[in-house]
Each structure stands twice: as structure tokens, then as C-alpha cells.
Amino acid sequence: MAPQLSAAGRARRSSAAAADVDPRKRGAAALSVASNSTLIVLKLVAGILTGSVAVLTEALHSSVDLIASAVAFVSIRKAERPADEDHRYGHEKFENMAAAIEGMLILVGSAVIAYTSIVHLVNGSRVQRLGIGMAVVAVSALVNLVVSGVLQRRARETESAALEGDAAHLRTDAATSVAVLVGLGMVQLTGASWIDAGVALAVAAYIVVAGLRILSRSSRALVDEALPVEELEAIRAEVVGFGDRGVAGFHKLRTRRAGARRYVDLHVQFRSGTTLEVAHRTAHALQGAIAARLRNVDVLIHLEPEDRVRPGTEIPLRTGRATTRSD
């Protein structure tokens, strides 16, 4: 059986993983924990002073945010650990698991908010000192918008699923804060206290949608969904580009993601007469070409002879458009 090649740069990945957590990830996660801790205290005080169920649900929402931020912080540190005997593929999926936990926490928080809102709608409630509540909610919305923007930038830079989930969570919190602010303003204008609980109930419904979206994104990685079409096409283009370097065809292209890491494996056929040494060098060059197109990628290539090429999947000697399949 032809040898299987490890990914180009696997040693670099191992040494990098053994290093400390990316300071950009760690700093962003710590910022989220600190901001949520501060907002919880402010919202609780404002909720007690005003008697507003909407402000109290905001405090509950921030408490859920704090738990989610703590989960993200821990998962980021865990995901950066190098592969070991028990986790031969590394620990990157801890980030995807953290994002799934955040989504579930959002759903739990929305259920509690909905229950509290319905109780206040049925029993009635009295809202007072609206100025304090409105000021705290406005500050909360501004802080969450700023922090979520920082987290989103760091998530894009590091491709961190945990930070992406945390950023989405905080954006949801900011949006709900704006809704609560509008609701409190309507209560102040009309004197109708039921609006406060009604707004809180609407906020709960909005949070459910956000939680389901986060769960959907994280679950796709946890069940090993293939890479996006544009990335698959980039891989195919690189393989076809090696047609003049002895590559006769390829098949069984499989891809997945774990955290920020992409995994690609495929079978590549080489033309008759190609020595194992030449095929080995070419395969490493192909790995490097794919790594140049996709960030954080681990490529595994299985070498095969030309007689394994399936009809209709040949790669022409002259580099050009080819009809290749990845079955």
C-alpha cells in the first residue's frame, strides 16, 4: 500500500500549539468576562430600584452571558493544547462545543425570561424610578456593542468559534437592551406598566432565535460538515494545477473543520513511471500549495498509481480546466 503523508507543516502546528494561548483570543475572552460581570451588578441594582421586570431580565441575560464568556475563556485555553495520546487530532473542537453550550445557555435564559414576563403580565407590576433603569440599560447596550465588536474582530482574525459565539451572544444582549430601553420609554410616556413585561416577553422570543442560530453553526462543525464550496473548489484547483507534475487524477476528497483548524484528506494518483521519491516530493509540494490557499489546514494525501484513476476524472498533462470528481 502506498504511504500516507502527514500534513505539510504538521511539526510547526505542534510547536505552535504547545505554546501559550493566542494572546488575542485570551484578551478578548477576558474582556468579555469583565464587562459582563460589571453589567450584572449594574442591572441588578437598577432592576431592584425600578421594579422593572425587563431590567431584571436584562440582569439575568447578562448572567447567562457571563457563564458563556467563562465557558469561551476556558475552551479557548483547552483548544490550544497540542495533540496527545487521548486526543490524536488535537483539542480544537472544544471551541465548537463551547459555542454549542452558549447557544443552549441562551435558550435556557430565554425560557426563564419568558416565564417571569408572563407572571408579571398576569399578576401586574409597578415600575418606578425609570430614569435610573433607562440610564443603566443604555450604558449596557453601548458596552455590549463595543465589546462584541472587539470579539468579532478577534474571531475573524483567529477563526475562533468560541469568540464568534460570544460576540453573537453580546450582540443579542445589546439588541435586547435597546428593546428594553424603548419599552421603558413607552412606560414613562403612557404610564402602562404592562408594556414593561410585554417587552421582556418579546425579548425572550428574539433571544430564542439567536440561540438557535448559534447552535446551528456549532453543530455543523461537531458533525464534521464539509468545508464551504469555495474552499473545496480551491483545493480542486490546486490539485489540477499539478497535472504537469505527474498528478494523473484524484478522488475521495474529504474535508471537515474543528475550531479554527481545517482537515483535508484525499487520494491522488500519479502517472506511470513516477518514482515513489518523486511522488512523495510532489505530494508535499501539493500540500504546501493547498496550505497557501486555506488557513490553518492539515492535509493528508494517500498516494496511488495511475491505474486507479476513474474514467472521467483524469487530469490533463497541460494544466487547464479538468473534469474531476471528489467522490
Protein backbone atom coordinates (compact mmCIF):
# COMPACT_ATOMS: atom_id res chain seq x y z
CA MET A 1 0.00 0.00 0.00
CA ALA A 2 1.28 3.45 -0.85
CA PRO A 3 2.40 5.54 2.12
CA GLN A 4 0.23 8.24 3.64
CA LEU A 5 1.82 11.62 4.12
CA SER A 6 1.40 13.87 7.13
CA ALA A 7 0.39 17.47 6.51
CA ALA A 8 2.97 19.98 5.44
CA GLY A 9 3.83 22.00 8.43
CA ARG A 10 2.46 19.49 10.97
CA ALA A 11 5.58 20.00 13.09
CA ARG A 12 5.06 23.75 13.01
CA ARG A 13 1.47 23.30 14.16
CA SER A 14 2.52 21.06 17.05
CA SER A 15 5.14 23.51 18.27
CA ALA A 16 2.73 26.42 17.96
CA ALA A 17 0.01 24.53 19.81
CA ALA A 18 2.41 23.79 22.60
CA ALA A 19 2.92 27.50 23.11
CA ASP A 20 0.68 29.71 25.18
CA VAL A 21 -2.82 30.58 24.06
CA ASP A 22 -3.00 33.25 21.37
CA PRO A 23 -2.98 36.49 23.43
CA ARG A 24 -5.61 37.99 21.11
CA LYS A 25 -8.04 35.23 21.99
CA ARG A 26 -7.21 35.28 25.67
CA GLY A 27 -7.51 39.08 25.92
CA ALA A 28 -10.85 39.17 24.09
CA ALA A 29 -12.32 36.40 26.25
CA ALA A 30 -11.11 38.11 29.44
CA LEU A 31 -12.64 41.42 28.29
CA SER A 32 -16.00 39.69 27.80
CA VAL A 33 -15.89 38.18 31.31
CA ALA A 34 -15.01 41.54 32.90
CA SER A 35 -17.67 43.54 31.05
CA ASN A 36 -20.44 41.03 31.81
CA SER A 37 -19.50 40.91 35.49
CA THR A 38 -19.79 44.68 35.75
CA LEU A 39 -23.07 44.86 33.85
CA ILE A 40 -24.71 42.20 36.02
CA VAL A 41 -24.15 44.30 39.14
CA LEU A 42 -25.43 47.50 37.49
CA LYS A 43 -28.54 45.81 36.09
CA LEU A 44 -29.41 44.07 39.34
CA VAL A 45 -29.22 47.34 41.26
CA ALA A 46 -31.26 49.15 38.61
CA GLY A 47 -33.83 46.34 38.44
CA ILE A 48 -34.35 46.34 42.20
CA LEU A 49 -34.64 50.14 42.36
CA THR A 50 -37.09 50.41 39.46
CA GLY A 51 -39.04 47.19 39.96
CA SER A 52 -38.81 46.64 36.19
CA VAL A 53 -39.07 43.02 35.10
CA ALA A 54 -37.44 43.99 31.79
CA VAL A 55 -34.36 45.35 33.56
CA LEU A 56 -34.21 42.29 35.83
CA THR A 57 -34.39 40.00 32.80
CA GLU A 58 -31.53 42.01 31.37
CA ALA A 59 -29.55 41.18 34.51
CA LEU A 60 -30.43 37.52 34.02
CA HIS A 61 -29.38 37.71 30.39
CA SER A 62 -26.03 39.19 31.41
CA SER A 63 -25.62 36.40 33.97
CA VAL A 64 -26.05 33.89 31.15
CA ASP A 65 -23.58 35.94 29.11
CA LEU A 66 -21.07 35.72 31.96
CA ILE A 67 -21.35 31.94 32.10
CA ALA A 68 -20.99 31.78 28.32
CA SER A 69 -17.94 34.06 28.41
CA ALA A 70 -16.34 31.91 31.11
CA VAL A 71 -17.00 28.79 29.02
CA ALA A 72 -15.43 30.51 25.98
CA PHE A 73 -12.39 31.56 28.03
CA VAL A 74 -11.79 28.02 29.30
CA SER A 75 -12.47 26.37 25.94
CA ILE A 76 -10.01 28.65 24.14
CA ARG A 77 -7.24 27.60 26.52
CA LYS A 78 -8.24 23.96 26.16
CA ALA A 79 -8.47 24.08 22.36
CA GLU A 80 -4.92 25.43 22.02
CA ARG A 81 -3.40 22.40 23.75
CA PRO A 82 -1.35 20.14 21.45
CA ALA A 83 -2.50 16.67 20.43
CA ASP A 84 -1.85 13.94 22.99
CA GLU A 85 -2.33 10.18 23.32
CA ASP A 86 -6.02 10.57 24.14
CA HIS A 87 -6.74 13.29 21.53
CA ARG A 88 -4.70 12.42 18.46
CA TYR A 89 -6.48 15.02 16.35
CA GLY A 90 -5.95 17.78 18.89
CA HIS A 91 -8.44 19.67 21.07
CA GLU A 92 -9.78 22.26 18.60
CA LYS A 93 -13.38 21.04 18.82
CA PHE A 94 -13.58 22.30 22.39
CA GLU A 95 -14.28 25.71 20.81
CA ASN A 96 -17.19 24.33 18.81
CA MET A 97 -18.52 22.62 21.94
CA ALA A 98 -18.26 25.93 23.82
CA ALA A 99 -20.29 27.67 21.11
CA ALA A 100 -22.96 24.95 21.39
CA ILE A 101 -23.06 25.42 25.17
CA GLU A 102 -23.51 29.17 24.65
CA GLY A 103 -26.45 28.51 22.36
CA MET A 104 -28.07 26.22 24.93
CA LEU A 105 -27.49 28.76 27.70
CA ILE A 106 -29.24 31.40 25.60
CA LEU A 107 -32.27 29.12 25.21
CA VAL A 108 -32.39 28.42 28.96
CA GLY A 109 -32.15 32.13 29.74
CA SER A 110 -34.94 32.95 27.29
CA ALA A 111 -37.21 30.38 28.93
CA VAL A 112 -36.69 31.96 32.35
CA ILE A 113 -37.29 35.44 30.94
CA ALA A 114 -40.49 34.29 29.23
CA TYR A 115 -41.81 32.70 32.43
CA THR A 116 -41.06 35.80 34.52
CA SER A 117 -42.65 38.07 31.93
CA ILE A 118 -45.85 36.01 31.78
CA VAL A 119 -46.14 36.01 35.59
CA HIS A 120 -45.86 39.81 35.67
CA LEU A 121 -48.34 40.20 32.82
CA VAL A 122 -50.87 38.06 34.72
CA ASN A 123 -50.29 39.49 38.19
CA GLY A 124 -49.39 43.03 37.17
CA SER A 125 -46.34 45.02 38.25
CA ARG A 126 -45.42 48.55 39.19
CA VAL A 127 -42.46 50.29 37.62
CA GLN A 128 -40.78 53.31 39.24
CA ARG A 129 -37.58 55.39 39.01
CA LEU A 130 -37.47 54.79 35.28
CA GLY A 131 -34.62 57.25 34.74
CA ILE A 132 -32.16 55.00 36.58
CA GLY A 133 -33.25 51.91 34.67
CA MET A 134 -33.07 53.64 31.32
CA ALA A 135 -29.59 55.01 32.01
CA VAL A 136 -28.22 51.60 33.04
CA VAL A 137 -29.79 49.83 30.06
CA ALA A 138 -28.39 52.46 27.68
CA VAL A 139 -24.89 52.02 29.12
CA SER A 140 -25.29 48.24 28.87
CA ALA A 141 -26.23 48.42 25.19
CA LEU A 142 -23.25 50.64 24.39
CA VAL A 143 -20.77 48.48 26.31
CA ASN A 144 -22.03 45.26 24.71
CA LEU A 145 -21.84 46.76 21.23
CA VAL A 146 -18.23 47.81 21.77
CA VAL A 147 -17.17 44.51 23.35
CA SER A 148 -18.99 42.41 20.74
CA GLY A 149 -17.21 44.39 18.01
CA VAL A 150 -13.83 43.62 19.58
CA LEU A 151 -14.71 39.93 19.94
CA GLN A 152 -15.97 39.71 16.35
CA ARG A 153 -12.72 41.17 15.00
CA ARG A 154 -10.66 38.76 17.07
CA ALA A 155 -12.89 35.87 15.95
CA ARG A 156 -12.26 36.74 12.29
CA GLU A 157 -8.52 37.11 12.84
CA THR A 158 -8.14 33.81 14.73
CA GLU A 159 -11.13 31.90 13.27
CA SER A 160 -12.28 31.18 16.82
CA ALA A 161 -15.71 29.55 17.04
CA ALA A 162 -15.91 30.29 20.76
CA LEU A 163 -15.25 34.01 20.31
CA GLU A 164 -17.67 34.15 17.38
CA GLY A 165 -20.40 32.63 19.55
CA ASP A 166 -19.61 35.01 22.41
CA ALA A 167 -19.70 38.01 20.06
CA ALA A 168 -23.09 36.92 18.69
CA HIS A 169 -24.34 36.48 22.25
CA LEU A 170 -23.29 40.02 23.21
CA ARG A 171 -24.84 41.49 20.05
CA THR A 172 -28.08 39.82 21.05
CA ASP A 173 -27.76 41.31 24.52
CA ALA A 174 -27.20 44.77 23.03
CA ALA A 175 -30.27 44.42 20.80
CA THR A 176 -32.43 43.32 23.72
CA SER A 177 -31.13 46.24 25.78
CA VAL A 178 -32.30 48.64 23.09
CA ALA A 179 -35.71 46.96 23.09
CA VAL A 180 -35.93 47.27 26.87
CA LEU A 181 -34.91 50.93 26.64
CA VAL A 182 -37.71 51.59 24.16
CA GLY A 183 -40.16 49.72 26.40
CA LEU A 184 -39.22 51.74 29.47
CA GLY A 185 -39.60 54.92 27.47
CA MET A 186 -43.12 53.86 26.44
CA VAL A 187 -43.98 53.08 30.07
CA GLN A 188 -42.80 56.53 31.09
CA LEU A 189 -44.84 58.18 28.35
CA THR A 190 -48.05 56.19 28.78
CA GLY A 191 -47.92 55.00 32.39
CA ALA A 192 -48.90 51.49 31.23
CA SER A 193 -46.71 49.17 33.33
CA TRP A 194 -47.76 46.07 31.37
CA ILE A 195 -45.61 47.29 28.46
CA ASP A 196 -42.53 46.52 30.57
CA ALA A 197 -43.38 42.81 30.88
CA GLY A 198 -44.60 42.69 27.28
CA VAL A 199 -41.26 43.97 26.01
CA ALA A 200 -39.44 41.41 28.17
CA LEU A 201 -41.54 38.64 26.58
CA ALA A 202 -40.71 39.88 23.09
CA VAL A 203 -37.03 39.98 24.05
CA ALA A 204 -37.24 36.32 25.12
CA ALA A 205 -38.60 35.36 21.69
CA TYR A 206 -35.77 37.23 19.96
CA ILE A 207 -33.18 35.51 22.16
CA VAL A 208 -34.56 32.08 21.19
CA VAL A 209 -33.86 32.82 17.52
CA ALA A 210 -30.30 33.93 18.31
CA GLY A 211 -29.68 30.82 20.41
CA LEU A 212 -30.89 28.51 17.65
CA ARG A 213 -28.59 30.20 15.14
CA ILE A 214 -25.55 29.71 17.37
CA LEU A 215 -26.50 26.07 17.96
CA SER A 216 -26.89 25.51 14.22
CA ARG A 217 -23.43 26.94 13.42
CA SER A 218 -21.65 24.99 16.14
CA SER A 219 -23.42 21.71 15.37
CA ARG A 220 -22.25 21.79 11.75
CA ALA A 221 -18.64 21.57 12.91
CA LEU A 222 -19.40 18.98 15.59
CA VAL A 223 -20.92 16.61 13.00
CA ASP A 224 -17.98 17.15 10.59
CA GLU A 225 -19.76 19.11 7.87
CA ALA A 226 -17.63 19.59 4.75
CA LEU A 227 -15.80 22.85 4.08
CA PRO A 228 -17.63 25.57 2.10
CA VAL A 229 -17.91 25.13 -1.67
CA GLU A 230 -15.41 27.90 -2.43
CA GLU A 231 -12.77 26.19 -0.28
CA LEU A 232 -13.43 22.82 -1.93
CA GLU A 233 -13.02 24.46 -5.33
CA ALA A 234 -9.71 25.99 -4.19
CA ILE A 235 -8.45 22.52 -3.23
CA ARG A 236 -9.54 21.03 -6.57
CA ALA A 237 -7.87 23.87 -8.47
CA GLU A 238 -4.55 23.24 -6.73
CA VAL A 239 -4.68 19.51 -7.49
CA VAL A 240 -5.50 20.15 -11.15
CA GLY A 241 -2.63 22.64 -11.26
CA PHE A 242 -0.22 19.75 -10.60
CA GLY A 243 -1.24 17.94 -13.81
CA ASP A 244 2.15 18.69 -15.39
CA ARG A 245 4.00 17.44 -12.32
CA GLY A 246 2.90 13.82 -12.55
CA VAL A 247 -0.56 14.00 -10.98
CA ALA A 248 -2.98 11.96 -13.08
CA GLY A 249 -6.16 12.31 -11.03
CA PHE A 250 -7.67 12.35 -7.56
CA HIS A 251 -10.75 11.19 -5.69
CA LYS A 252 -12.16 10.58 -2.20
CA LEU A 253 -11.70 14.20 -1.18
CA ARG A 254 -12.94 14.60 2.40
CA THR A 255 -12.91 17.77 4.49
CA ARG A 256 -14.05 18.97 7.89
CA ARG A 257 -13.36 21.65 10.50
CA ALA A 258 -12.51 21.58 14.18
CA GLY A 259 -12.34 25.01 15.77
CA ALA A 260 -10.06 27.12 13.58
CA ARG A 261 -8.37 24.06 12.07
CA ARG A 262 -9.34 22.59 8.68
CA TYR A 263 -8.71 18.93 7.86
CA VAL A 264 -8.37 17.71 4.27
CA ASP A 265 -7.61 14.20 3.05
CA LEU A 266 -7.69 12.83 -0.49
CA HIS A 267 -6.33 10.07 -2.75
CA VAL A 268 -4.00 11.30 -5.51
CA GLN A 269 -2.99 9.15 -8.49
CA PHE A 270 0.42 9.58 -10.15
CA ARG A 271 1.35 8.78 -13.75
CA SER A 272 3.04 5.52 -14.63
CA GLY A 273 6.81 5.66 -14.20
CA THR A 274 6.72 8.20 -11.37
CA THR A 275 9.08 7.02 -8.64
CA LEU A 276 7.97 6.92 -5.02
CA GLU A 277 10.54 9.58 -4.15
CA VAL A 278 9.25 11.96 -6.83
CA ALA A 279 5.62 11.30 -5.90
CA HIS A 280 6.47 11.93 -2.26
CA ARG A 281 8.08 15.31 -3.05
CA THR A 282 5.23 16.29 -5.34
CA ALA A 283 2.65 15.38 -2.71
CA HIS A 284 4.43 17.57 -0.16
CA ALA A 285 4.50 20.42 -2.68
CA LEU A 286 0.77 19.93 -3.26
CA GLN A 287 0.16 20.05 0.49
CA GLY A 288 2.05 23.32 0.62
CA ALA A 289 0.03 24.74 -2.27
CA ILE A 290 -3.26 23.86 -0.55
CA ALA A 291 -1.96 25.32 2.73
CA ALA A 292 -1.20 28.56 0.89
CA ARG A 293 -4.84 28.79 -0.25
CA LEU A 294 -6.51 27.80 3.03
CA ARG A 295 -5.51 28.95 6.51
CA ASN A 296 -4.91 26.53 9.38
CA VAL A 297 -5.15 23.42 7.23
CA ASP A 298 -3.92 19.89 7.87
CA VAL A 299 -3.62 17.92 4.60
CA LEU A 300 -3.29 14.14 4.33
CA ILE A 301 -2.57 12.61 0.90
CA HIS A 302 -2.76 8.92 0.00
CA LEU A 303 -0.58 8.04 -2.99
CA GLU A 304 -1.99 5.76 -5.71
CA PRO A 305 -0.83 4.57 -9.17
CA GLU A 306 -2.33 5.82 -12.42
CA ASP A 307 -4.42 2.67 -12.94
CA ARG A 308 -6.58 3.80 -10.01
CA VAL A 309 -7.82 6.83 -11.95
CA ARG A 310 -11.54 6.55 -12.59
CA PRO A 311 -12.86 7.24 -16.11
CA GLY A 312 -13.80 10.88 -16.49
CA THR A 313 -11.63 12.11 -13.62
CA GLU A 314 -8.31 12.37 -15.44
CA ILE A 315 -6.15 15.46 -15.09
CA PRO A 316 -4.63 16.51 -18.45
CA LEU A 317 -0.89 16.91 -18.89
CA ARG A 318 -1.38 20.53 -19.91
CA THR A 319 -2.71 22.47 -16.92
CA GLY A 320 -6.22 23.61 -17.65
CA ARG A 321 -9.82 23.04 -16.81
CA ALA A 322 -10.39 19.38 -15.97
CA THR A 323 -13.38 17.26 -15.20
CA THR A 324 -12.55 15.91 -11.77
CA ARG A 325 -14.70 14.38 -9.09
CA SER A 326 -14.08 14.09 -5.34
CA ASP A 327 -16.23 11.04 -4.59
